[in-house]
PDB file of N, CA and C in Angstrom:
ATOM      1  N   MET A   1     -18.075  58.659  90.356  1.00  0.00           N
ATOM      2  CA  MET A   1     -16.762  59.121  90.738  1.00  0.00           C
ATOM      3  C   MET A   1     -16.944  60.442  91.667  1.00  0.00           C
ATOM      4  N   ILE A   2     -17.885  61.257  91.516  1.00  0.00           N
ATOM      5  CA  ILE A   2     -18.000  62.419  92.393  1.00  0.00           C
ATOM      6  C   ILE A   2     -19.129  62.351  93.306  1.00  0.00           C
ATOM      7  N   THR A   3     -19.711  61.190  93.482  1.00  0.00           N
ATOM      8  CA  THR A   3     -20.939  60.993  94.370  1.00  0.00           C
ATOM      9  C   THR A   3     -20.667  61.233  95.775  1.00  0.00           C
ATOM     10  N   SER A   4     -19.505  61.242  96.294  1.00  0.00           N
ATOM     11  CA  SER A   4     -19.118  61.356  97.709  1.00  0.00           C
ATOM     12  C   SER A   4     -18.969  62.834  98.154  1.00  0.00           C
ATOM     13  N   LEU A   5     -19.128  63.732  97.214  1.00  0.00           N
ATOM     14  CA  LEU A   5     -18.978  65.154  97.485  1.00  0.00           C
ATOM     15  C   LEU A   5     -20.322  65.794  97.879  1.00  0.00           C
ATOM     16  N   ASN A   6     -20.337  66.691  98.830  1.00  0.00           N
ATOM     17  CA  ASN A   6     -21.536  67.427  99.083  1.00  0.00           C
ATOM     18  C   ASN A   6     -21.639  68.611  98.077  1.00  0.00           C
ATOM     19  N   SER A   7     -22.680  69.385  98.031  1.00  0.00           N
ATOM     20  CA  SER A   7     -22.909  70.383  97.005  1.00  0.00           C
ATOM     21  C   SER A   7     -21.845  71.473  97.018  1.00  0.00           C
ATOM     22  N   GLU A   8     -21.423  71.897  98.189  1.00  0.00           N
ATOM     23  CA  GLU A   8     -20.406  72.955  98.338  1.00  0.00           C
ATOM     24  C   GLU A   8     -19.121  72.462  97.911  1.00  0.00           C
ATOM     25  N   GLU A   9     -18.732  71.192  98.190  1.00  0.00           N
ATOM     26  CA  GLU A   9     -17.474  70.617  97.756  1.00  0.00           C
ATOM     27  C   GLU A   9     -17.517  70.450  96.243  1.00  0.00           C
ATOM     28  N   LEU A  10     -18.682  70.117  95.763  1.00  0.00           N
ATOM     29  CA  LEU A  10     -18.778  69.872  94.254  1.00  0.00           C
ATOM     30  C   LEU A  10     -18.570  71.163  93.493  1.00  0.00           C
ATOM     31  N   VAL A  11     -19.115  72.301  94.026  1.00  0.00           N
ATOM     32  CA  VAL A  11     -18.895  73.595  93.446  1.00  0.00           C
ATOM     33  C   VAL A  11     -17.403  73.992  93.484  1.00  0.00           C
ATOM     34  N   ASP A  12     -16.778  73.736  94.629  1.00  0.00           N
ATOM     35  CA  ASP A  12     -15.273  74.072  94.710  1.00  0.00           C
ATOM     36  C   ASP A  12     -14.501  73.216  93.821  1.00  0.00           C
ATOM     37  N   PHE A  13     -14.840  71.969  93.687  1.00  0.00           N
ATOM     38  CA  PHE A  13     -14.196  70.969  92.753  1.00  0.00           C
ATOM     39  C   PHE A  13     -14.269  71.441  91.334  1.00  0.00           C
ATOM     40  N   ILE A  14     -15.541  71.831  90.909  1.00  0.00           N
ATOM     41  CA  ILE A  14     -15.746  72.252  89.541  1.00  0.00           C
ATOM     42  C   ILE A  14     -14.946  73.497  89.248  1.00  0.00           C
ATOM     43  N   ASP A  15     -14.866  74.529  90.325  1.00  0.00           N
ATOM     44  CA  ASP A  15     -14.099  75.739  90.179  1.00  0.00           C
ATOM     45  C   ASP A  15     -12.575  75.357  90.018  1.00  0.00           C
ATOM     46  N   LEU A  16     -12.147  74.383  90.652  1.00  0.00           N
ATOM     47  CA  LEU A  16     -10.691  73.958  90.649  1.00  0.00           C
ATOM     48  C   LEU A  16     -10.418  73.381  89.230  1.00  0.00           C
ATOM     49  N   ILE A  17     -11.320  72.558  88.760  1.00  0.00           N
ATOM     50  CA  ILE A  17     -11.128  71.943  87.393  1.00  0.00           C
ATOM     51  C   ILE A  17     -11.163  73.008  86.263  1.00  0.00           C
ATOM     52  N   ASN A  18     -12.117  73.907  86.420  1.00  0.00           N
ATOM     53  CA  ASN A  18     -12.172  75.072  85.441  1.00  0.00           C
ATOM     54  C   ASN A  18     -10.952  75.868  85.445  1.00  0.00           C
ATOM     55  N   PHE A  19     -10.402  76.116  86.642  1.00  0.00           N
ATOM     56  CA  PHE A  19      -9.105  76.959  86.713  1.00  0.00           C
ATOM     57  C   PHE A  19      -8.021  76.148  86.145  1.00  0.00           C
ATOM     58  N   THR A  20      -7.956  74.830  86.434  1.00  0.00           N
ATOM     59  CA  THR A  20      -6.847  73.966  85.949  1.00  0.00           C
ATOM     60  C   THR A  20      -6.829  73.933  84.415  1.00  0.00           C
ATOM     61  N   LEU A  21      -7.931  73.987  83.799  1.00  0.00           N
ATOM     62  CA  LEU A  21      -8.003  73.842  82.264  1.00  0.00           C
ATOM     63  C   LEU A  21      -7.972  75.235  81.748  1.00  0.00           C
ATOM     64  N   SER A  22      -7.800  76.287  82.445  1.00  0.00           N
ATOM     65  CA  SER A  22      -7.725  77.603  81.934  1.00  0.00           C
ATOM     66  C   SER A  22      -6.349  78.155  81.573  1.00  0.00           C
ATOM     67  N   LYS A  23      -6.214  79.206  80.814  1.00  0.00           N
ATOM     68  CA  LYS A  23      -4.969  79.840  80.492  1.00  0.00           C
ATOM     69  C   LYS A  23      -4.392  80.441  81.813  1.00  0.00           C
ATOM     70  N   ASP A  24      -5.225  80.830  82.737  1.00  0.00           N
ATOM     71  CA  ASP A  24      -4.702  81.420  84.004  1.00  0.00           C
ATOM     72  C   ASP A  24      -3.849  80.419  84.762  1.00  0.00           C
ATOM     73  N   PHE A  25      -4.235  79.124  84.601  1.00  0.00           N
ATOM     74  CA  PHE A  25      -3.431  78.064  85.285  1.00  0.00           C
ATOM     75  C   PHE A  25      -2.014  78.077  84.715  1.00  0.00           C
ATOM     76  N   VAL A  26      -1.949  78.067  83.424  1.00  0.00           N
ATOM     77  CA  VAL A  26      -0.659  78.050  82.722  1.00  0.00           C
ATOM     78  C   VAL A  26       0.110  79.316  83.036  1.00  0.00           C
ATOM     79  N   GLU A  27      -0.517  80.432  83.035  1.00  0.00           N
ATOM     80  CA  GLU A  27       0.122  81.677  83.415  1.00  0.00           C
ATOM     81  C   GLU A  27       0.745  81.629  84.836  1.00  0.00           C
ATOM     82  N   LYS A  28      -0.002  81.104  85.719  1.00  0.00           N
ATOM     83  CA  LYS A  28       0.357  81.036  87.148  1.00  0.00           C
ATOM     84  C   LYS A  28       1.633  80.168  87.297  1.00  0.00           C
ATOM     85  N   TRP A  29       1.662  79.042  86.637  1.00  0.00           N
ATOM     86  CA  TRP A  29       2.779  78.070  86.855  1.00  0.00           C
ATOM     87  C   TRP A  29       3.895  78.004  85.757  1.00  0.00           C
ATOM     88  N   LYS A  30       3.762  78.775  84.635  1.00  0.00           N
ATOM     89  CA  LYS A  30       4.649  78.680  83.554  1.00  0.00           C
ATOM     90  C   LYS A  30       6.068  79.120  83.858  1.00  0.00           C
ATOM     91  N   TYR A  31       6.332  79.870  84.840  1.00  0.00           N
ATOM     92  CA  TYR A  31       7.708  80.232  85.260  1.00  0.00           C
ATOM     93  C   TYR A  31       8.441  79.225  86.142  1.00  0.00           C
ATOM     94  N   LYS A  32       7.534  78.397  86.664  1.00  0.00           N
ATOM     95  CA  LYS A  32       8.152  77.298  87.516  1.00  0.00           C
ATOM     96  C   LYS A  32       8.313  76.013  86.747  1.00  0.00           C
ATOM     97  N   TYR A  33       7.219  75.796  85.887  1.00  0.00           N
ATOM     98  CA  TYR A  33       7.179  74.601  85.066  1.00  0.00           C
ATOM     99  C   TYR A  33       6.883  74.997  83.576  1.00  0.00           C
ATOM    100  N   SER A  34       7.409  74.250  82.669  1.00  0.00           N
ATOM    101  CA  SER A  34       7.195  74.738  81.269  1.00  0.00           C
ATOM    102  C   SER A  34       5.704  74.625  80.849  1.00  0.00           C
ATOM    103  N   GLU A  35       5.435  75.461  79.741  1.00  0.00           N
ATOM    104  CA  GLU A  35       4.102  75.422  79.316  1.00  0.00           C
ATOM    105  C   GLU A  35       3.639  74.057  78.726  1.00  0.00           C
ATOM    106  N   LYS A  36       4.703  73.454  78.092  1.00  0.00           N
ATOM    107  CA  LYS A  36       4.379  72.112  77.589  1.00  0.00           C
ATOM    108  C   LYS A  36       4.038  71.137  78.755  1.00  0.00           C
ATOM    109  N   PHE A  37       4.815  71.176  79.771  1.00  0.00           N
ATOM    110  CA  PHE A  37       4.528  70.346  80.917  1.00  0.00           C
ATOM    111  C   PHE A  37       3.081  70.583  81.452  1.00  0.00           C
ATOM    112  N   LEU A  38       2.704  71.798  81.563  1.00  0.00           N
ATOM    113  CA  LEU A  38       1.390  72.142  82.103  1.00  0.00           C
ATOM    114  C   LEU A  38       0.292  71.752  81.158  1.00  0.00           C
ATOM    115  N   LYS A  39       0.486  71.893  79.854  1.00  0.00           N
ATOM    116  CA  LYS A  39      -0.479  71.524  78.920  1.00  0.00           C
ATOM    117  C   LYS A  39      -0.683  70.021  78.842  1.00  0.00           C
ATOM    118  N   LEU A  40       0.400  69.270  79.064  1.00  0.00           N
ATOM    119  CA  LEU A  40       0.266  67.809  79.182  1.00  0.00           C
ATOM    120  C   LEU A  40      -0.548  67.422  80.385  1.00  0.00           C
ATOM    121  N   PHE A  41      -0.357  68.083  81.513  1.00  0.00           N
ATOM    122  CA  PHE A  41      -1.235  67.873  82.696  1.00  0.00           C
ATOM    123  C   PHE A  41      -2.677  68.239  82.394  1.00  0.00           C
ATOM    124  N   GLN A  42      -2.841  69.271  81.755  1.00  0.00           N
ATOM    125  CA  GLN A  42      -4.317  69.720  81.380  1.00  0.00           C
ATOM    126  C   GLN A  42      -4.904  68.734  80.466  1.00  0.00           C
ATOM    127  N   LEU A  43      -4.186  68.172  79.488  1.00  0.00           N
ATOM    128  CA  LEU A  43      -4.647  67.225  78.609  1.00  0.00           C
ATOM    129  C   LEU A  43      -5.161  65.966  79.290  1.00  0.00           C
ATOM    130  N   LYS A  44      -4.254  65.486  80.258  1.00  0.00           N
ATOM    131  CA  LYS A  44      -4.634  64.209  81.026  1.00  0.00           C
ATOM    132  C   LYS A  44      -5.801  64.483  81.823  1.00  0.00           C
ATOM    133  N   VAL A  45      -5.963  65.687  82.424  1.00  0.00           N
ATOM    134  CA  VAL A  45      -7.125  65.977  83.276  1.00  0.00           C
ATOM    135  C   VAL A  45      -8.356  65.999  82.376  1.00  0.00           C
ATOM    136  N   LEU A  46      -8.284  66.650  81.301  1.00  0.00           N
ATOM    137  CA  LEU A  46      -9.453  66.740  80.253  1.00  0.00           C
ATOM    138  C   LEU A  46      -9.822  65.318  79.820  1.00  0.00           C
ATOM    139  N   THR A  47      -8.826  64.537  79.436  1.00  0.00           N
ATOM    140  CA  THR A  47      -9.127  63.169  78.865  1.00  0.00           C
ATOM    141  C   THR A  47      -9.789  62.344  80.051  1.00  0.00           C
ATOM    142  N   SER A  48      -9.389  62.437  81.258  1.00  0.00           N
ATOM    143  CA  SER A  48      -9.964  61.750  82.329  1.00  0.00           C
ATOM    144  C   SER A  48     -11.414  62.166  82.562  1.00  0.00           C
ATOM    145  N   ILE A  49     -11.687  63.471  82.427  1.00  0.00           N
ATOM    146  CA  ILE A  49     -13.034  63.974  82.590  1.00  0.00           C
ATOM    147  C   ILE A  49     -13.936  63.453  81.408  1.00  0.00           C
ATOM    148  N   SER A  50     -13.401  63.501  80.188  1.00  0.00           N
ATOM    149  CA  SER A  50     -14.143  63.109  79.124  1.00  0.00           C
ATOM    150  C   SER A  50     -14.440  61.567  79.070  1.00  0.00           C
ATOM    151  N   LYS A  51     -13.524  60.808  79.517  1.00  0.00           N
ATOM    152  CA  LYS A  51     -13.780  59.351  79.657  1.00  0.00           C
ATOM    153  C   LYS A  51     -14.597  58.958  80.881  1.00  0.00           C
ATOM    154  N   GLY A  52     -14.729  59.936  81.881  1.00  0.00           N
ATOM    155  CA  GLY A  52     -15.427  59.563  83.117  1.00  0.00           C
ATOM    156  C   GLY A  52     -14.612  58.619  83.940  1.00  0.00           C
ATOM    157  N   SER A  53     -13.321  58.747  83.854  1.00  0.00           N
ATOM    158  CA  SER A  53     -12.445  57.807  84.625  1.00  0.00           C
ATOM    159  C   SER A  53     -11.567  58.528  85.602  1.00  0.00           C
ATOM    160  N   VAL A  54     -11.144  57.852  86.536  1.00  0.00           N
ATOM    161  CA  VAL A  54     -10.232  58.372  87.624  1.00  0.00           C
ATOM    162  C   VAL A  54      -8.774  58.317  87.032  1.00  0.00           C
ATOM    163  N   LEU A  55      -8.031  59.387  87.373  1.00  0.00           N
ATOM    164  CA  LEU A  55      -6.655  59.506  86.857  1.00  0.00           C
ATOM    165  C   LEU A  55      -5.763  59.130  88.070  1.00  0.00           C
ATOM    166  N   LYS A  56      -5.006  58.052  87.983  1.00  0.00           N
ATOM    167  CA  LYS A  56      -4.140  57.645  89.045  1.00  0.00           C
ATOM    168  C   LYS A  56      -2.895  58.498  89.058  1.00  0.00           C
ATOM    169  N   THR A  57      -2.387  58.927  90.197  1.00  0.00           N
ATOM    170  CA  THR A  57      -1.176  59.738  90.226  1.00  0.00           C
ATOM    171  C   THR A  57       0.016  58.914  89.704  1.00  0.00           C
ATOM    172  N   LYS A  58       0.030  57.632  89.940  1.00  0.00           N
ATOM    173  CA  LYS A  58       1.066  56.770  89.453  1.00  0.00           C
ATOM    174  C   LYS A  58       1.114  56.756  87.904  1.00  0.00           C
ATOM    175  N   ALA A  59      -0.066  56.676  87.291  1.00  0.00           N
ATOM    176  CA  ALA A  59      -0.117  56.696  85.809  1.00  0.00           C
ATOM    177  C   ALA A  59       0.347  58.035  85.301  1.00  0.00           C
ATOM    178  N   LEU A  60      -0.196  59.123  85.957  1.00  0.00           N
ATOM    179  CA  LEU A  60       0.168  60.434  85.564  1.00  0.00           C
ATOM    180  C   LEU A  60       1.669  60.727  85.688  1.00  0.00           C
ATOM    181  N   SER A  61       2.268  60.235  86.788  1.00  0.00           N
ATOM    182  CA  SER A  61       3.696  60.324  86.975  1.00  0.00           C
ATOM    183  C   SER A  61       4.442  59.620  85.833  1.00  0.00           C
ATOM    184  N   LYS A  62       3.976  58.459  85.539  1.00  0.00           N
ATOM    185  CA  LYS A  62       4.637  57.602  84.477  1.00  0.00           C
ATOM    186  C   LYS A  62       4.516  58.301  83.127  1.00  0.00           C
ATOM    187  N   TYR A  63       3.375  58.894  82.799  1.00  0.00           N
ATOM    188  CA  TYR A  63       3.183  59.614  81.695  1.00  0.00           C
ATOM    189  C   TYR A  63       4.131  60.828  81.515  1.00  0.00           C
ATOM    190  N   LEU A  64       4.298  61.467  82.505  1.00  0.00           N
ATOM    191  CA  LEU A  64       5.106  62.657  82.467  1.00  0.00           C
ATOM    192  C   LEU A  64       6.653  62.275  82.617  1.00  0.00           C
ATOM    193  N   THR A  65       6.969  61.284  83.278  1.00  0.00           N
ATOM    194  CA  THR A  65       8.451  60.908  83.354  1.00  0.00           C
ATOM    195  C   THR A  65       8.871  60.008  82.234  1.00  0.00           C
ATOM    196  N   LYS A  66       8.191  58.884  82.052  1.00  0.00           N
ATOM    197  CA  LYS A  66       8.710  57.902  81.010  1.00  0.00           C
ATOM    198  C   LYS A  66       8.384  58.327  79.695  1.00  0.00           C
ATOM    199  N   ASN A  67       7.109  58.859  79.385  1.00  0.00           N
ATOM    200  CA  ASN A  67       6.793  59.214  78.005  1.00  0.00           C
ATOM    201  C   ASN A  67       7.266  60.518  77.617  1.00  0.00           C
ATOM    202  N   HIS A  68       7.416  61.551  78.533  1.00  0.00           N
ATOM    203  CA  HIS A  68       7.767  62.829  78.095  1.00  0.00           C
ATOM    204  C   HIS A  68       9.130  63.327  78.785  1.00  0.00           C
ATOM    205  N   LYS A  69       9.788  62.417  79.383  1.00  0.00           N
ATOM    206  CA  LYS A  69      11.209  62.667  79.959  1.00  0.00           C
ATOM    207  C   LYS A  69      11.281  63.742  80.940  1.00  0.00           C
ATOM    208  N   TYR A  70      10.311  64.136  81.775  1.00  0.00           N
ATOM    209  CA  TYR A  70      10.444  65.008  82.869  1.00  0.00           C
ATOM    210  C   TYR A  70      10.961  64.304  84.038  1.00  0.00           C
ATOM    211  N   SER A  71      11.671  64.969  84.861  1.00  0.00           N
ATOM    212  CA  SER A  71      12.305  64.289  86.030  1.00  0.00           C
ATOM    213  C   SER A  71      11.214  63.961  87.098  1.00  0.00           C
ATOM    214  N   ARG A  72      11.519  62.982  87.926  1.00  0.00           N
ATOM    215  CA  ARG A  72      10.564  62.528  88.956  1.00  0.00           C
ATOM    216  C   ARG A  72      10.520  63.689  89.972  1.00  0.00           C
ATOM    217  N   ILE A  73      11.612  64.406  90.223  1.00  0.00           N
ATOM    218  CA  ILE A  73      11.608  65.432  91.237  1.00  0.00           C
ATOM    219  C   ILE A  73      10.646  66.543  90.743  1.00  0.00           C
ATOM    220  N   GLN A  74      10.754  66.910  89.462  1.00  0.00           N
ATOM    221  CA  GLN A  74       9.907  67.951  88.888  1.00  0.00           C
ATOM    222  C   GLN A  74       8.450  67.514  89.013  1.00  0.00           C
ATOM    223  N   VAL A  75       8.072  66.351  88.717  1.00  0.00           N
ATOM    224  CA  VAL A  75       6.670  65.872  88.807  1.00  0.00           C
ATOM    225  C   VAL A  75       6.279  65.866  90.264  1.00  0.00           C
ATOM    226  N   GLN A  76       7.031  65.442  91.186  1.00  0.00           N
ATOM    227  CA  GLN A  76       6.744  65.466  92.543  1.00  0.00           C
ATOM    228  C   GLN A  76       6.551  66.952  93.060  1.00  0.00           C
ATOM    229  N   ASN A  77       7.452  67.799  92.663  1.00  0.00           N
ATOM    230  CA  ASN A  77       7.371  69.251  93.069  1.00  0.00           C
ATOM    231  C   ASN A  77       6.084  69.795  92.481  1.00  0.00           C
ATOM    232  N   PHE A  78       5.754  69.497  91.275  1.00  0.00           N
ATOM    233  CA  PHE A  78       4.524  69.957  90.671  1.00  0.00           C
ATOM    234  C   PHE A  78       3.233  69.533  91.457  1.00  0.00           C
ATOM    235  N   PHE A  79       3.258  68.267  91.792  1.00  0.00           N
ATOM    236  CA  PHE A  79       2.073  67.681  92.490  1.00  0.00           C
ATOM    237  C   PHE A  79       1.959  68.416  93.903  1.00  0.00           C
ATOM    238  N   GLU A  80       3.094  68.748  94.518  1.00  0.00           N
ATOM    239  CA  GLU A  80       3.062  69.458  95.839  1.00  0.00           C
ATOM    240  C   GLU A  80       2.610  70.945  95.621  1.00  0.00           C
ATOM    241  N   SER A  81       3.121  71.566  94.530  1.00  0.00           N
ATOM    242  CA  SER A  81       2.819  72.989  94.219  1.00  0.00           C
ATOM    243  C   SER A  81       1.283  73.090  94.020  1.00  0.00           C
ATOM    244  N   ILE A  82       0.627  72.261  93.246  1.00  0.00           N
ATOM    245  CA  ILE A  82      -0.767  72.412  92.986  1.00  0.00           C
ATOM    246  C   ILE A  82      -1.645  71.731  93.969  1.00  0.00           C
ATOM    247  N   SER A  83      -1.092  71.070  94.986  1.00  0.00           N
ATOM    248  CA  SER A  83      -1.823  70.283  95.926  1.00  0.00           C
ATOM    249  C   SER A  83      -2.630  69.241  95.258  1.00  0.00           C
ATOM    250  N   ILE A  84      -2.037  68.274  94.711  1.00  0.00           N
ATOM    251  CA  ILE A  84      -2.698  67.256  93.868  1.00  0.00           C
ATOM    252  C   ILE A  84      -3.791  66.616  94.673  1.00  0.00           C
ATOM    253  N   GLU A  85      -3.691  66.542  95.995  1.00  0.00           N
ATOM    254  CA  GLU A  85      -4.763  65.929  96.789  1.00  0.00           C
ATOM    255  C   GLU A  85      -6.071  66.678  96.695  1.00  0.00           C
ATOM    256  N   ASP A  86      -6.064  67.910  96.337  1.00  0.00           N
ATOM    257  CA  ASP A  86      -7.290  68.730  96.124  1.00  0.00           C
ATOM    258  C   ASP A  86      -8.038  68.253  94.973  1.00  0.00           C
ATOM    259  N   TYR A  87      -7.396  67.506  93.993  1.00  0.00           N
ATOM    260  CA  TYR A  87      -8.024  66.946  92.867  1.00  0.00           C
ATOM    261  C   TYR A  87      -8.842  65.662  92.986  1.00  0.00           C
ATOM    262  N   HIS A  88      -8.774  65.181  94.216  1.00  0.00           N
ATOM    263  CA  HIS A  88      -9.618  63.977  94.564  1.00  0.00           C
ATOM    264  C   HIS A  88     -11.077  64.331  94.444  1.00  0.00           C
ATOM    265  N   PRO A  89     -11.897  63.552  93.897  1.00  0.00           N
ATOM    266  CA  PRO A  89     -11.840  62.139  93.364  1.00  0.00           C
ATOM    267  C   PRO A  89     -11.330  61.929  91.939  1.00  0.00           C
ATOM    268  N   LEU A  90     -11.100  63.003  91.185  1.00  0.00           N
ATOM    269  CA  LEU A  90     -10.665  62.907  89.824  1.00  0.00           C
ATOM    270  C   LEU A  90      -9.304  62.274  89.798  1.00  0.00           C
ATOM    271  N   VAL A  91      -8.464  62.698  90.554  1.00  0.00           N
ATOM    272  CA  VAL A  91      -7.061  62.172  90.637  1.00  0.00           C
ATOM    273  C   VAL A  91      -6.907  61.472  92.039  1.00  0.00           C
ATOM    274  N   SER A  92      -6.498  60.239  91.929  1.00  0.00           N
ATOM    275  CA  SER A  92      -6.363  59.510  93.174  1.00  0.00           C
ATOM    276  C   SER A  92      -5.035  58.820  93.281  1.00  0.00           C
ATOM    277  N   GLY A  93      -4.661  58.446  94.545  1.00  0.00           N
ATOM    278  CA  GLY A  93      -3.557  57.685  94.826  1.00  0.00           C
ATOM    279  C   GLY A  93      -2.409  58.678  95.424  1.00  0.00           C
ATOM    280  N   PRO A  94      -1.474  58.090  96.136  1.00  0.00           N
ATOM    281  CA  PRO A  94      -0.440  58.935  96.768  1.00  0.00           C
ATOM    282  C   PRO A  94       0.378  59.621  95.672  1.00  0.00           C
ATOM    283  N   TYR A  95       0.843  60.830  95.966  1.00  0.00           N
ATOM    284  CA  TYR A  95       1.687  61.560  95.005  1.00  0.00           C
ATOM    285  C   TYR A  95       3.135  61.364  95.224  1.00  0.00           C
ATOM    286  N   VAL A  96       3.643  60.613  96.204  1.00  0.00           N
ATOM    287  CA  VAL A  96       5.005  60.334  96.415  1.00  0.00           C
ATOM    288  C   VAL A  96       5.467  59.428  95.313  1.00  0.00           C
ATOM    289  N   ILE A  97       6.507  59.831  94.590  1.00  0.00           N
ATOM    290  CA  ILE A  97       7.021  59.006  93.461  1.00  0.00           C
ATOM    291  C   ILE A  97       8.219  58.182  93.858  1.00  0.00           C
TER     292      ILE A  97
END
């Protein structure tokens, strides 16, 4: 999954994931998005890492909208806010919903 990254990119990617799974991430975004929303995102990222699988943006969008009733606009705004493309190769696919 991460074989295409050079060592500098790998360090940056690991830093991004560490931040994403931290309380600081929730603190940064909790005023724009609910804590529950952010924790659901963290859970999906953690699950993807533990399974060693790629998280598709389409599946993540469906999880947040269909399963947890968040609006498509909110999910799209969140993807844009956190620059979801920076999560590649862990998260893949277009973020347009």
